[in-house]
Amino acid sequence: MKAQHQLLSLQLTVTAAIFGFAISRPGMAGILLIVPFVSYLLCARQVTQYFGTLTVGQYIAERLDPRVPGGLGWESWIREKRRGSRLLGATAPLLLTFAGPGLLSSVWTFGWVYLRPGVSLASRVGFITLWLLGASASSLCILLTLQMTDHGRFRNWGASRPPSPKKLDITGICRRGWHALGSGDWRSRILRAGRRLLWIGTFVR
C-alpha cells in the first residue's frame, strides 16, 4: 500500500515538473513527448503492486485461513464491505492520474509534431513515430487502469498456476514389468540394474 502511494506521488510530481518546464519555455514543447512513456511505466508498476497485494490476500484466504481455528475471515469481510461501483472513487482518479497527462501531452504536441514548419523529413518522421508510440502508451494506461479497477478483463493477472503433472509411479511400473518377464538368471541381473537406477534416480531428483 505504501509503494502504491509512492508511485502516485511520483507520477504527479514528474508530470507536473515536465508540464511546468514546457509551459515556462514555449520552444521546449517537445519535451512533453516523454510524458506518456513515464506515465505508462509508473502505471504498469502500480498495477503490478495492486495485483501482488491481491495475490497475498488470496494466499491468506486459501492457505492460512483454513489453518487457523475459526478462520481469519479477513478476505471474506473485505468482499462483503467492498462497494459495487468504483467508477468515481477509483477508476476516474486513476485515469486522470496516469492516462490523463499522456493524453493531454499528445493533444498539446499535435501541432508541434505535425504542423511545425522548417523541420526536415527525417526529423518529422521521427517525431510522428514518437508521438504515435506515446498515444499507444496512453491507451495502454487506460486498459491497465480498467483492468485494475475491475472494469476490464484484458488479462487474467490472478490466474493460478496450472497443476503439475503427476509423478510417474516408477516402482509400480517396475513391478508390473517384473511379473511380465518371468523367471531366470537374467531376471536377477535386471533386478540389480533396476535397483541401481532407482538408487541413482533418488539423488538426481
N, C-alpha and C. Protein backbone atom coordinates (compact mmCIF):
# COMPACT_ATOMS: atom_id res chain seq x y z
N MET A 1 0.83 -1.21 0.00
CA MET A 1 0.00 0.00 0.00
C MET A 1 0.87 1.26 0.00
N LYS A 2 1.94 1.23 0.79
CA LYS A 2 2.84 2.37 0.82
C LYS A 2 3.49 2.59 -0.53
N ALA A 3 3.89 1.50 -1.19
CA ALA A 3 4.51 1.61 -2.51
C ALA A 3 3.54 2.20 -3.53
N GLN A 4 2.27 1.86 -3.44
CA GLN A 4 1.28 2.40 -4.37
C GLN A 4 1.14 3.90 -4.18
N HIS A 5 1.10 4.36 -2.94
CA HIS A 5 1.02 5.81 -2.68
C HIS A 5 2.28 6.52 -3.17
N GLN A 6 3.41 5.89 -3.02
CA GLN A 6 4.65 6.49 -3.52
C GLN A 6 4.65 6.61 -5.04
N LEU A 7 4.10 5.60 -5.72
CA LEU A 7 4.01 5.66 -7.18
C LEU A 7 3.07 6.76 -7.63
N LEU A 8 1.96 6.93 -6.93
CA LEU A 8 1.03 8.01 -7.26
C LEU A 8 1.69 9.38 -7.07
N SER A 9 2.41 9.54 -5.98
CA SER A 9 3.10 10.80 -5.72
C SER A 9 4.18 11.06 -6.76
N LEU A 10 4.91 10.02 -7.14
CA LEU A 10 5.95 10.17 -8.14
C LEU A 10 5.36 10.55 -9.50
N GLN A 11 4.23 9.93 -9.87
CA GLN A 11 3.59 10.26 -11.13
C GLN A 11 3.15 11.73 -11.16
N LEU A 12 2.51 12.19 -10.10
CA LEU A 12 2.06 13.58 -10.05
C LEU A 12 3.23 14.55 -10.07
N THR A 13 4.29 14.20 -9.35
CA THR A 13 5.45 15.10 -9.28
C THR A 13 6.16 15.21 -10.62
N VAL A 14 6.41 14.06 -11.25
CA VAL A 14 7.15 14.06 -12.51
C VAL A 14 6.37 14.76 -13.62
N THR A 15 5.10 14.42 -13.76
CA THR A 15 4.31 15.05 -14.82
C THR A 15 4.13 16.54 -14.59
N ALA A 16 3.94 16.95 -13.33
CA ALA A 16 3.81 18.38 -13.05
C ALA A 16 5.10 19.11 -13.37
N ALA A 17 6.25 18.50 -13.06
CA ALA A 17 7.52 19.14 -13.36
C ALA A 17 7.75 19.28 -14.87
N ILE A 18 7.41 18.25 -15.63
CA ILE A 18 7.60 18.31 -17.08
C ILE A 18 6.67 19.34 -17.71
N PHE A 19 5.42 19.35 -17.30
CA PHE A 19 4.48 20.33 -17.85
C PHE A 19 4.88 21.75 -17.46
N GLY A 20 5.35 21.93 -16.22
CA GLY A 20 5.80 23.25 -15.80
C GLY A 20 6.98 23.73 -16.61
N PHE A 21 7.92 22.84 -16.90
CA PHE A 21 9.08 23.20 -17.71
C PHE A 21 8.66 23.56 -19.13
N ALA A 22 7.71 22.79 -19.71
CA ALA A 22 7.26 23.06 -21.07
C ALA A 22 6.48 24.37 -21.16
N ILE A 23 5.70 24.68 -20.14
CA ILE A 23 4.93 25.91 -20.15
C ILE A 23 5.84 27.13 -20.00
N SER A 24 6.84 27.01 -19.17
CA SER A 24 7.73 28.15 -18.94
C SER A 24 8.64 28.42 -20.14
N ARG A 25 8.83 27.43 -20.98
CA ARG A 25 9.67 27.59 -22.18
C ARG A 25 8.88 27.10 -23.39
N PRO A 26 8.18 27.98 -24.09
CA PRO A 26 7.31 27.56 -25.20
C PRO A 26 8.05 26.79 -26.29
N GLY A 27 9.30 27.07 -26.50
CA GLY A 27 10.05 26.37 -27.54
C GLY A 27 10.42 24.95 -27.18
N MET A 28 10.18 24.54 -25.94
CA MET A 28 10.54 23.20 -25.46
C MET A 28 9.31 22.30 -25.31
N ALA A 29 8.30 22.54 -26.14
CA ALA A 29 7.08 21.73 -26.04
C ALA A 29 7.35 20.26 -26.36
N GLY A 30 8.40 19.98 -27.12
CA GLY A 30 8.70 18.60 -27.49
C GLY A 30 9.04 17.71 -26.31
N ILE A 31 9.41 18.32 -25.19
CA ILE A 31 9.73 17.50 -24.01
C ILE A 31 8.50 16.78 -23.48
N LEU A 32 7.32 17.28 -23.85
CA LEU A 32 6.08 16.63 -23.41
C LEU A 32 5.88 15.26 -24.04
N LEU A 33 6.65 14.96 -25.08
CA LEU A 33 6.51 13.66 -25.73
C LEU A 33 6.93 12.50 -24.83
N ILE A 34 7.70 12.79 -23.79
CA ILE A 34 8.13 11.70 -22.89
C ILE A 34 7.10 11.42 -21.79
N VAL A 35 6.11 12.30 -21.64
CA VAL A 35 5.13 12.12 -20.57
C VAL A 35 4.36 10.80 -20.71
N PRO A 36 3.86 10.43 -21.90
CA PRO A 36 3.12 9.15 -21.98
C PRO A 36 3.94 7.94 -21.58
N PHE A 37 5.23 7.95 -21.89
CA PHE A 37 6.06 6.80 -21.56
C PHE A 37 6.32 6.72 -20.05
N VAL A 38 6.58 7.87 -19.44
CA VAL A 38 6.76 7.87 -17.99
C VAL A 38 5.47 7.43 -17.29
N SER A 39 4.34 7.92 -17.77
CA SER A 39 3.06 7.56 -17.17
C SER A 39 2.77 6.07 -17.33
N TYR A 40 3.10 5.54 -18.49
CA TYR A 40 2.85 4.11 -18.72
C TYR A 40 3.71 3.24 -17.80
N LEU A 41 4.98 3.57 -17.67
CA LEU A 41 5.87 2.78 -16.82
C LEU A 41 5.40 2.80 -15.36
N LEU A 42 5.03 3.97 -14.88
CA LEU A 42 4.56 4.06 -13.49
C LEU A 42 3.20 3.40 -13.31
N CYS A 43 2.35 3.49 -14.33
CA CYS A 43 1.04 2.83 -14.26
C CYS A 43 1.20 1.31 -14.24
N ALA A 44 2.10 0.80 -15.07
CA ALA A 44 2.34 -0.64 -15.07
C ALA A 44 2.87 -1.12 -13.72
N ARG A 45 3.74 -0.31 -13.13
CA ARG A 45 4.26 -0.67 -11.81
C ARG A 45 3.16 -0.63 -10.76
N GLN A 46 2.27 0.34 -10.86
CA GLN A 46 1.14 0.45 -9.94
C GLN A 46 0.24 -0.78 -10.06
N VAL A 47 -0.03 -1.22 -11.27
CA VAL A 47 -0.87 -2.40 -11.49
C VAL A 47 -0.19 -3.65 -10.93
N THR A 48 1.11 -3.75 -11.12
CA THR A 48 1.85 -4.90 -10.58
C THR A 48 1.75 -4.95 -9.06
N GLN A 49 1.92 -3.80 -8.41
CA GLN A 49 1.79 -3.74 -6.95
C GLN A 49 0.38 -4.12 -6.50
N TYR A 50 -0.61 -3.66 -7.24
CA TYR A 50 -2.01 -3.93 -6.86
C TYR A 50 -2.31 -5.42 -6.93
N PHE A 51 -1.94 -6.06 -8.04
CA PHE A 51 -2.24 -7.48 -8.17
C PHE A 51 -1.33 -8.33 -7.30
N GLY A 52 -0.16 -7.82 -6.95
CA GLY A 52 0.65 -8.50 -5.96
C GLY A 52 -0.03 -8.54 -4.60
N THR A 53 -0.69 -7.44 -4.24
CA THR A 53 -1.45 -7.40 -2.99
C THR A 53 -2.61 -8.39 -3.02
N LEU A 54 -3.29 -8.47 -4.17
CA LEU A 54 -4.38 -9.43 -4.30
C LEU A 54 -3.89 -10.87 -4.18
N THR A 55 -2.69 -11.13 -4.69
CA THR A 55 -2.13 -12.47 -4.58
C THR A 55 -1.85 -12.83 -3.12
N VAL A 56 -1.35 -11.87 -2.37
CA VAL A 56 -1.13 -12.10 -0.93
C VAL A 56 -2.45 -12.39 -0.23
N GLY A 57 -3.48 -11.61 -0.57
CA GLY A 57 -4.80 -11.86 0.03
C GLY A 57 -5.35 -13.22 -0.34
N GLN A 58 -5.13 -13.64 -1.57
CA GLN A 58 -5.58 -14.96 -2.00
C GLN A 58 -4.86 -16.07 -1.24
N TYR A 59 -3.57 -15.86 -1.00
CA TYR A 59 -2.80 -16.84 -0.23
C TYR A 59 -3.32 -16.94 1.21
N ILE A 60 -3.66 -15.78 1.79
CA ILE A 60 -4.20 -15.78 3.16
C ILE A 60 -5.52 -16.52 3.21
N ALA A 61 -6.38 -16.27 2.21
CA ALA A 61 -7.71 -16.89 2.22
C ALA A 61 -7.65 -18.39 1.96
N GLU A 62 -6.77 -18.83 1.08
CA GLU A 62 -6.77 -20.23 0.66
C GLU A 62 -5.83 -21.10 1.48
N ARG A 63 -4.73 -20.53 1.98
CA ARG A 63 -3.74 -21.36 2.67
C ARG A 63 -3.70 -21.11 4.18
N LEU A 64 -3.70 -19.85 4.60
CA LEU A 64 -3.56 -19.56 6.03
C LEU A 64 -4.89 -19.63 6.77
N ASP A 65 -5.96 -19.17 6.12
CA ASP A 65 -7.26 -19.13 6.79
C ASP A 65 -7.72 -20.51 7.27
N PRO A 66 -7.60 -21.57 6.46
CA PRO A 66 -8.04 -22.88 6.97
C PRO A 66 -7.22 -23.42 8.12
N ARG A 67 -6.00 -22.94 8.30
CA ARG A 67 -5.14 -23.46 9.36
C ARG A 67 -5.43 -22.83 10.72
N VAL A 68 -6.15 -21.71 10.73
CA VAL A 68 -6.47 -21.03 11.98
C VAL A 68 -7.83 -21.51 12.49
N PRO A 69 -7.92 -21.94 13.73
CA PRO A 69 -9.23 -22.37 14.26
C PRO A 69 -10.24 -21.22 14.20
N GLY A 70 -11.36 -21.49 13.56
CA GLY A 70 -12.38 -20.45 13.39
C GLY A 70 -12.17 -19.59 12.17
N GLY A 71 -10.98 -19.64 11.58
CA GLY A 71 -10.69 -18.87 10.37
C GLY A 71 -10.41 -17.41 10.67
N LEU A 72 -9.64 -16.78 9.81
CA LEU A 72 -9.36 -15.35 9.95
C LEU A 72 -10.52 -14.50 9.46
N GLY A 73 -11.10 -14.87 8.31
CA GLY A 73 -12.25 -14.15 7.79
C GLY A 73 -11.94 -12.79 7.20
N TRP A 74 -10.65 -12.51 7.01
CA TRP A 74 -10.27 -11.17 6.53
C TRP A 74 -10.72 -10.93 5.10
N GLU A 75 -10.43 -11.87 4.21
CA GLU A 75 -10.78 -11.69 2.81
C GLU A 75 -12.29 -11.70 2.60
N SER A 76 -13.00 -12.57 3.29
CA SER A 76 -14.45 -12.60 3.16
C SER A 76 -15.07 -11.31 3.69
N TRP A 77 -14.50 -10.75 4.75
CA TRP A 77 -15.01 -9.48 5.30
C TRP A 77 -14.79 -8.35 4.30
N ILE A 78 -13.62 -8.37 3.63
CA ILE A 78 -13.33 -7.32 2.63
C ILE A 78 -14.32 -7.40 1.48
N ARG A 79 -14.60 -8.64 1.02
CA ARG A 79 -15.54 -8.79 -0.09
C ARG A 79 -16.94 -8.31 0.28
N GLU A 80 -17.34 -8.53 1.52
CA GLU A 80 -18.66 -8.08 1.95
C GLU A 80 -18.74 -6.57 2.04
N LYS A 81 -17.65 -5.92 2.47
CA LYS A 81 -17.65 -4.48 2.65
C LYS A 81 -17.34 -3.71 1.37
N ARG A 82 -16.85 -4.41 0.34
CA ARG A 82 -16.47 -3.72 -0.88
C ARG A 82 -17.71 -3.20 -1.60
N ARG A 83 -17.64 -1.97 -2.02
CA ARG A 83 -18.76 -1.36 -2.72
C ARG A 83 -18.83 -1.85 -4.16
N GLY A 84 -20.05 -1.84 -4.72
CA GLY A 84 -20.25 -2.34 -6.05
C GLY A 84 -19.66 -1.44 -7.12
N SER A 85 -19.83 -0.13 -7.02
CA SER A 85 -19.35 0.78 -8.04
C SER A 85 -18.08 1.48 -7.56
N ARG A 86 -17.05 1.46 -8.40
CA ARG A 86 -15.79 2.10 -8.07
C ARG A 86 -15.41 3.11 -9.14
N LEU A 87 -16.40 3.55 -9.93
CA LEU A 87 -16.10 4.43 -11.05
C LEU A 87 -15.56 5.78 -10.58
N LEU A 88 -16.28 6.43 -9.68
CA LEU A 88 -15.86 7.76 -9.22
C LEU A 88 -14.81 7.69 -8.14
N GLY A 89 -14.81 6.61 -7.37
CA GLY A 89 -13.87 6.53 -6.26
C GLY A 89 -12.49 6.02 -6.62
N ALA A 90 -12.39 5.22 -7.70
CA ALA A 90 -11.10 4.64 -8.05
C ALA A 90 -10.76 4.80 -9.52
N THR A 91 -11.70 4.45 -10.40
CA THR A 91 -11.39 4.42 -11.83
C THR A 91 -11.08 5.80 -12.38
N ALA A 92 -11.97 6.76 -12.14
CA ALA A 92 -11.78 8.11 -12.69
C ALA A 92 -10.51 8.78 -12.16
N PRO A 93 -10.23 8.74 -10.85
CA PRO A 93 -8.97 9.35 -10.38
C PRO A 93 -7.72 8.70 -10.97
N LEU A 94 -7.73 7.37 -11.11
CA LEU A 94 -6.55 6.71 -11.67
C LEU A 94 -6.39 7.02 -13.16
N LEU A 95 -7.50 7.12 -13.87
CA LEU A 95 -7.42 7.50 -15.29
C LEU A 95 -6.85 8.91 -15.44
N LEU A 96 -7.30 9.81 -14.58
CA LEU A 96 -6.79 11.18 -14.64
C LEU A 96 -5.31 11.24 -14.24
N THR A 97 -4.92 10.39 -13.31
CA THR A 97 -3.54 10.43 -12.82
C THR A 97 -2.55 9.86 -13.83
N PHE A 98 -2.89 8.74 -14.45
CA PHE A 98 -1.93 8.07 -15.33
C PHE A 98 -2.20 8.31 -16.81
N ALA A 99 -3.42 8.07 -17.26
CA ALA A 99 -3.71 8.26 -18.69
C ALA A 99 -3.91 9.72 -19.04
N GLY A 100 -4.42 10.52 -18.11
CA GLY A 100 -4.72 11.93 -18.38
C GLY A 100 -3.51 12.75 -18.84
N PRO A 101 -2.39 12.73 -18.12
CA PRO A 101 -1.23 13.51 -18.57
C PRO A 101 -0.71 13.09 -19.93
N GLY A 102 -0.73 11.79 -20.22
CA GLY A 102 -0.25 11.34 -21.52
C GLY A 102 -1.14 11.82 -22.66
N LEU A 103 -2.46 11.72 -22.46
CA LEU A 103 -3.38 12.20 -23.49
C LEU A 103 -3.28 13.71 -23.67
N LEU A 104 -3.14 14.43 -22.56
CA LEU A 104 -3.01 15.88 -22.64
C LEU A 104 -1.74 16.28 -23.37
N SER A 105 -0.66 15.58 -23.10
CA SER A 105 0.60 15.89 -23.79
C SER A 105 0.51 15.58 -25.28
N SER A 106 -0.23 14.52 -25.65
CA SER A 106 -0.40 14.20 -27.07
C SER A 106 -1.19 15.29 -27.79
N VAL A 107 -2.25 15.77 -27.15
CA VAL A 107 -3.03 16.87 -27.74
C VAL A 107 -2.18 18.15 -27.82
N TRP A 108 -1.43 18.41 -26.77
CA TRP A 108 -0.61 19.63 -26.69
C TRP A 108 0.45 19.66 -27.79
N THR A 109 1.05 18.52 -28.06
CA THR A 109 2.18 18.48 -29.01
C THR A 109 1.74 18.12 -30.43
N PHE A 110 0.45 18.01 -30.68
CA PHE A 110 -0.01 17.65 -32.02
C PHE A 110 0.46 18.67 -33.07
N GLY A 111 0.23 19.92 -32.81
CA GLY A 111 0.67 20.95 -33.75
C GLY A 111 2.19 21.04 -33.84
N TRP A 112 2.88 20.84 -32.72
CA TRP A 112 4.34 20.90 -32.71
C TRP A 112 4.93 19.77 -33.54
N VAL A 113 4.27 18.61 -33.57
CA VAL A 113 4.78 17.46 -34.31
C VAL A 113 4.39 17.51 -35.78
N TYR A 114 3.13 17.82 -36.07
CA TYR A 114 2.61 17.67 -37.43
C TYR A 114 2.62 18.98 -38.23
N LEU A 115 2.49 20.12 -37.57
CA LEU A 115 2.29 21.37 -38.30
C LEU A 115 3.45 22.35 -38.19
N ARG A 116 4.47 22.03 -37.44
CA ARG A 116 5.58 22.97 -37.24
C ARG A 116 6.40 23.10 -38.52
N PRO A 117 6.60 24.30 -39.02
CA PRO A 117 7.37 24.47 -40.26
C PRO A 117 8.88 24.40 -40.00
N GLY A 118 9.62 24.24 -41.10
CA GLY A 118 11.07 24.25 -41.01
C GLY A 118 11.67 23.01 -40.40
N VAL A 119 11.01 21.86 -40.52
CA VAL A 119 11.51 20.61 -39.95
C VAL A 119 11.82 19.66 -41.10
N SER A 120 12.96 19.03 -41.05
CA SER A 120 13.34 18.09 -42.11
C SER A 120 12.43 16.87 -42.09
N LEU A 121 12.41 16.16 -43.21
CA LEU A 121 11.53 14.99 -43.33
C LEU A 121 11.90 13.91 -42.33
N ALA A 122 13.19 13.65 -42.16
CA ALA A 122 13.62 12.61 -41.22
C ALA A 122 13.22 12.96 -39.79
N SER A 123 13.40 14.23 -39.41
CA SER A 123 13.02 14.64 -38.05
C SER A 123 11.52 14.56 -37.85
N ARG A 124 10.76 14.96 -38.87
CA ARG A 124 9.31 14.90 -38.72
C ARG A 124 8.81 13.46 -38.60
N VAL A 125 9.40 12.57 -39.39
CA VAL A 125 9.01 11.16 -39.28
C VAL A 125 9.35 10.61 -37.90
N GLY A 126 10.50 11.00 -37.37
CA GLY A 126 10.87 10.55 -36.03
C GLY A 126 9.93 11.08 -34.97
N PHE A 127 9.56 12.37 -35.06
CA PHE A 127 8.64 12.95 -34.08
C PHE A 127 7.25 12.32 -34.19
N ILE A 128 6.80 12.06 -35.43
CA ILE A 128 5.49 11.43 -35.60
C ILE A 128 5.49 10.02 -35.01
N THR A 129 6.57 9.28 -35.25
CA THR A 129 6.67 7.94 -34.67
C THR A 129 6.64 7.98 -33.15
N LEU A 130 7.39 8.91 -32.58
CA LEU A 130 7.40 9.07 -31.12
C LEU A 130 6.03 9.46 -30.59
N TRP A 131 5.34 10.33 -31.34
CA TRP A 131 4.01 10.78 -30.92
C TRP A 131 3.02 9.61 -30.95
N LEU A 132 3.08 8.80 -32.01
CA LEU A 132 2.18 7.66 -32.11
C LEU A 132 2.45 6.63 -31.02
N LEU A 133 3.72 6.41 -30.71
CA LEU A 133 4.05 5.49 -29.63
C LEU A 133 3.55 6.02 -28.28
N GLY A 134 3.65 7.34 -28.10
CA GLY A 134 3.14 7.92 -26.86
C GLY A 134 1.63 7.78 -26.75
N ALA A 135 0.91 7.97 -27.87
CA ALA A 135 -0.54 7.78 -27.85
C ALA A 135 -0.90 6.33 -27.54
N SER A 136 -0.12 5.40 -28.07
CA SER A 136 -0.34 3.98 -27.76
C SER A 136 -0.08 3.69 -26.29
N ALA A 137 0.96 4.31 -25.71
CA ALA A 137 1.25 4.12 -24.29
C ALA A 137 0.11 4.65 -23.42
N SER A 138 -0.47 5.77 -23.82
CA SER A 138 -1.62 6.30 -23.07
C SER A 138 -2.81 5.36 -23.15
N SER A 139 -3.02 4.75 -24.34
CA SER A 139 -4.11 3.78 -24.47
C SER A 139 -3.87 2.57 -23.57
N LEU A 140 -2.62 2.14 -23.47
CA LEU A 140 -2.30 1.02 -22.59
C LEU A 140 -2.54 1.39 -21.12
N CYS A 141 -2.29 2.64 -20.77
CA CYS A 141 -2.59 3.09 -19.41
C CYS A 141 -4.08 2.97 -19.11
N ILE A 142 -4.90 3.30 -20.09
CA ILE A 142 -6.35 3.18 -19.90
C ILE A 142 -6.74 1.73 -19.69
N LEU A 143 -6.19 0.83 -20.52
CA LEU A 143 -6.52 -0.59 -20.39
C LEU A 143 -6.06 -1.15 -19.05
N LEU A 144 -4.85 -0.78 -18.62
CA LEU A 144 -4.34 -1.28 -17.33
C LEU A 144 -5.18 -0.76 -16.16
N THR A 145 -5.58 0.49 -16.24
CA THR A 145 -6.40 1.06 -15.17
C THR A 145 -7.76 0.39 -15.09
N LEU A 146 -8.38 0.14 -16.24
CA LEU A 146 -9.66 -0.55 -16.25
C LEU A 146 -9.53 -1.96 -15.72
N GLN A 147 -8.42 -2.61 -16.04
CA GLN A 147 -8.18 -3.95 -15.51
C GLN A 147 -8.02 -3.92 -13.99
N MET A 148 -7.31 -2.94 -13.50
CA MET A 148 -7.04 -2.85 -12.07
C MET A 148 -8.30 -2.54 -11.27
N THR A 149 -9.23 -1.80 -11.86
CA THR A 149 -10.44 -1.40 -11.15
C THR A 149 -11.64 -2.27 -11.51
N ASP A 150 -11.37 -3.46 -12.08
CA ASP A 150 -12.42 -4.44 -12.37
C ASP A 150 -13.42 -3.96 -13.41
N HIS A 151 -13.02 -3.05 -14.27
CA HIS A 151 -13.89 -2.62 -15.37
C HIS A 151 -13.45 -3.21 -16.69
N GLY A 152 -12.46 -4.03 -16.69
CA GLY A 152 -11.99 -4.67 -17.91
C GLY A 152 -11.32 -5.98 -17.58
N ARG A 153 -11.41 -6.94 -18.49
CA ARG A 153 -10.81 -8.26 -18.30
C ARG A 153 -9.87 -8.55 -19.46
N PHE A 154 -8.81 -7.76 -19.54
CA PHE A 154 -7.91 -7.90 -20.67
C PHE A 154 -6.80 -8.89 -20.39
N ARG A 155 -6.57 -9.19 -19.14
CA ARG A 155 -5.56 -10.17 -18.79
C ARG A 155 -5.91 -10.75 -17.44
N ASN A 156 -5.80 -12.05 -17.34
CA ASN A 156 -6.12 -12.74 -16.09
C ASN A 156 -4.89 -12.74 -15.20
N TRP A 157 -4.69 -11.61 -14.50
CA TRP A 157 -3.49 -11.46 -13.67
C TRP A 157 -3.49 -12.45 -12.51
N GLY A 158 -4.67 -12.80 -12.02
CA GLY A 158 -4.73 -13.67 -10.85
C GLY A 158 -4.87 -15.13 -11.18
N ALA A 159 -4.53 -15.51 -12.38
CA ALA A 159 -4.68 -16.91 -12.78
C ALA A 159 -3.75 -17.79 -11.96
N SER A 160 -4.29 -18.89 -11.53
CA SER A 160 -3.47 -19.82 -10.76
C SER A 160 -2.59 -20.62 -11.71
N ARG A 161 -1.51 -21.11 -11.18
CA ARG A 161 -0.59 -21.89 -11.99
C ARG A 161 -1.23 -23.21 -12.38
N PRO A 162 -0.94 -23.69 -13.56
CA PRO A 162 -1.51 -24.98 -13.96
C PRO A 162 -1.02 -26.10 -13.05
N PRO A 163 -1.89 -27.08 -12.82
CA PRO A 163 -1.47 -28.17 -11.93
C PRO A 163 -0.27 -28.91 -12.49
N SER A 164 0.60 -29.28 -11.59
CA SER A 164 1.80 -30.00 -12.01
C SER A 164 1.42 -31.41 -12.42
N PRO A 165 2.10 -31.94 -13.43
CA PRO A 165 1.78 -33.30 -13.87
C PRO A 165 2.08 -34.32 -12.79
N LYS A 166 1.33 -35.42 -12.86
CA LYS A 166 1.52 -36.46 -11.87
C LYS A 166 2.90 -37.11 -12.02
N LYS A 167 3.49 -37.48 -10.89
CA LYS A 167 4.77 -38.16 -10.95
C LYS A 167 4.55 -39.61 -11.38
N LEU A 168 5.44 -40.09 -12.19
CA LEU A 168 5.34 -41.47 -12.65
C LEU A 168 5.58 -42.43 -11.49
N ASP A 169 4.75 -43.42 -11.42
CA ASP A 169 4.91 -44.46 -10.40
C ASP A 169 5.95 -45.44 -10.90
N ILE A 170 7.24 -45.10 -10.70
CA ILE A 170 8.32 -45.93 -11.23
C ILE A 170 8.32 -47.31 -10.58
N THR A 171 8.05 -47.34 -9.28
CA THR A 171 8.05 -48.63 -8.58
C THR A 171 6.98 -49.55 -9.12
N GLY A 172 5.78 -48.99 -9.35
CA GLY A 172 4.70 -49.81 -9.89
C GLY A 172 5.00 -50.31 -11.28
N ILE A 173 5.61 -49.47 -12.10
CA ILE A 173 5.96 -49.89 -13.46
C ILE A 173 6.98 -51.02 -13.42
N CYS A 174 7.97 -50.89 -12.54
CA CYS A 174 8.99 -51.94 -12.42
C CYS A 174 8.38 -53.26 -11.94
N ARG A 175 7.43 -53.18 -11.00
CA ARG A 175 6.81 -54.41 -10.50
C ARG A 175 6.00 -55.10 -11.59
N ARG A 176 5.26 -54.30 -12.37
CA ARG A 176 4.47 -54.92 -13.45
C ARG A 176 5.39 -55.54 -14.51
N GLY A 177 6.50 -54.84 -14.81
CA GLY A 177 7.46 -55.42 -15.74
C GLY A 177 8.10 -56.68 -15.20
N TRP A 178 8.32 -56.66 -13.88
CA TRP A 178 8.95 -57.84 -13.23
C TRP A 178 8.09 -59.08 -13.39
N HIS A 179 6.79 -58.95 -13.16
CA HIS A 179 5.89 -60.10 -13.27
C HIS A 179 5.72 -60.53 -14.73
N ALA A 180 5.90 -59.60 -15.64
CA ALA A 180 5.74 -59.94 -17.05
C ALA A 180 6.98 -60.63 -17.62
N LEU A 181 8.11 -60.49 -16.97
CA LEU A 181 9.35 -61.05 -17.52
C LEU A 181 9.49 -62.55 -17.28
N GLY A 182 8.89 -63.04 -16.22
CA GLY A 182 9.05 -64.46 -15.92
C GLY A 182 10.23 -64.67 -14.99
N SER A 183 10.90 -65.83 -15.11
CA SER A 183 11.99 -66.17 -14.20
C SER A 183 13.25 -66.44 -15.01
N GLY A 184 14.38 -66.53 -14.30
CA GLY A 184 15.64 -66.81 -14.97
C GLY A 184 16.76 -66.01 -14.34
N ASP A 185 18.00 -66.43 -14.67
CA ASP A 185 19.16 -65.74 -14.14
C ASP A 185 19.24 -64.30 -14.63
N TRP A 186 18.91 -64.09 -15.88
CA TRP A 186 18.94 -62.73 -16.43
C TRP A 186 17.96 -61.82 -15.73
N ARG A 187 16.92 -62.47 -15.13
CA ARG A 187 15.94 -61.68 -14.39
C ARG A 187 16.56 -61.03 -13.16
N SER A 188 17.41 -61.75 -12.45
CA SER A 188 18.08 -61.18 -11.27
C SER A 188 19.03 -60.06 -11.67
N ARG A 189 19.67 -60.21 -12.84
CA ARG A 189 20.54 -59.14 -13.29
C ARG A 189 19.76 -57.86 -13.58
N ILE A 190 18.63 -58.03 -14.22
CA ILE A 190 17.78 -56.87 -14.48
C ILE A 190 17.32 -56.23 -13.18
N LEU A 191 17.02 -57.06 -12.20
CA LEU A 191 16.58 -56.55 -10.91
C LEU A 191 17.66 -55.70 -10.26
N ARG A 192 18.91 -56.20 -10.28
CA ARG A 192 20.01 -55.44 -9.68
C ARG A 192 20.24 -54.13 -10.43
N ALA A 193 20.17 -54.19 -11.77
CA ALA A 193 20.36 -52.97 -12.56
C ALA A 193 19.24 -51.97 -12.29
N GLY A 194 18.03 -52.48 -12.15
CA GLY A 194 16.91 -51.57 -11.87
C GLY A 194 17.04 -50.91 -10.52
N ARG A 195 17.50 -51.66 -9.52
CA ARG A 195 17.69 -51.09 -8.19
C ARG A 195 18.75 -50.00 -8.21
N ARG A 196 19.81 -50.25 -8.97
CA ARG A 196 20.85 -49.23 -9.07
C ARG A 196 20.33 -47.96 -9.74
N LEU A 197 19.51 -48.14 -10.79
CA LEU A 197 18.95 -46.97 -11.47
C LEU A 197 18.02 -46.19 -10.54
N LEU A 198 17.21 -46.90 -9.78
CA LEU A 198 16.32 -46.22 -8.84
C LEU A 198 17.12 -45.49 -7.76
N TRP A 199 18.20 -46.14 -7.29
CA TRP A 199 19.05 -45.51 -6.26
C TRP A 199 19.69 -44.25 -6.80
N ILE A 200 20.17 -44.30 -8.06
CA ILE A 200 20.76 -43.10 -8.70
C ILE A 200 19.70 -42.03 -8.92
N GLY A 201 18.49 -42.47 -9.29
CA GLY A 201 17.44 -41.52 -9.55
C GLY A 201 17.03 -40.71 -8.32
N THR A 202 17.13 -41.32 -7.14
CA THR A 202 16.79 -40.58 -5.92
C THR A 202 17.73 -39.42 -5.68
N PHE A 203 19.00 -39.54 -6.09
CA PHE A 203 19.98 -38.46 -5.92
C PHE A 203 19.83 -37.43 -7.01
N VAL A 204 19.46 -37.88 -8.24
CA VAL A 204 19.30 -36.93 -9.33
C VAL A 204 18.15 -35.99 -9.06
N ARG A 205 17.07 -36.48 -8.44
CA ARG A 205 15.95 -35.62 -8.10
C ARG A 205 16.34 -34.59 -7.07
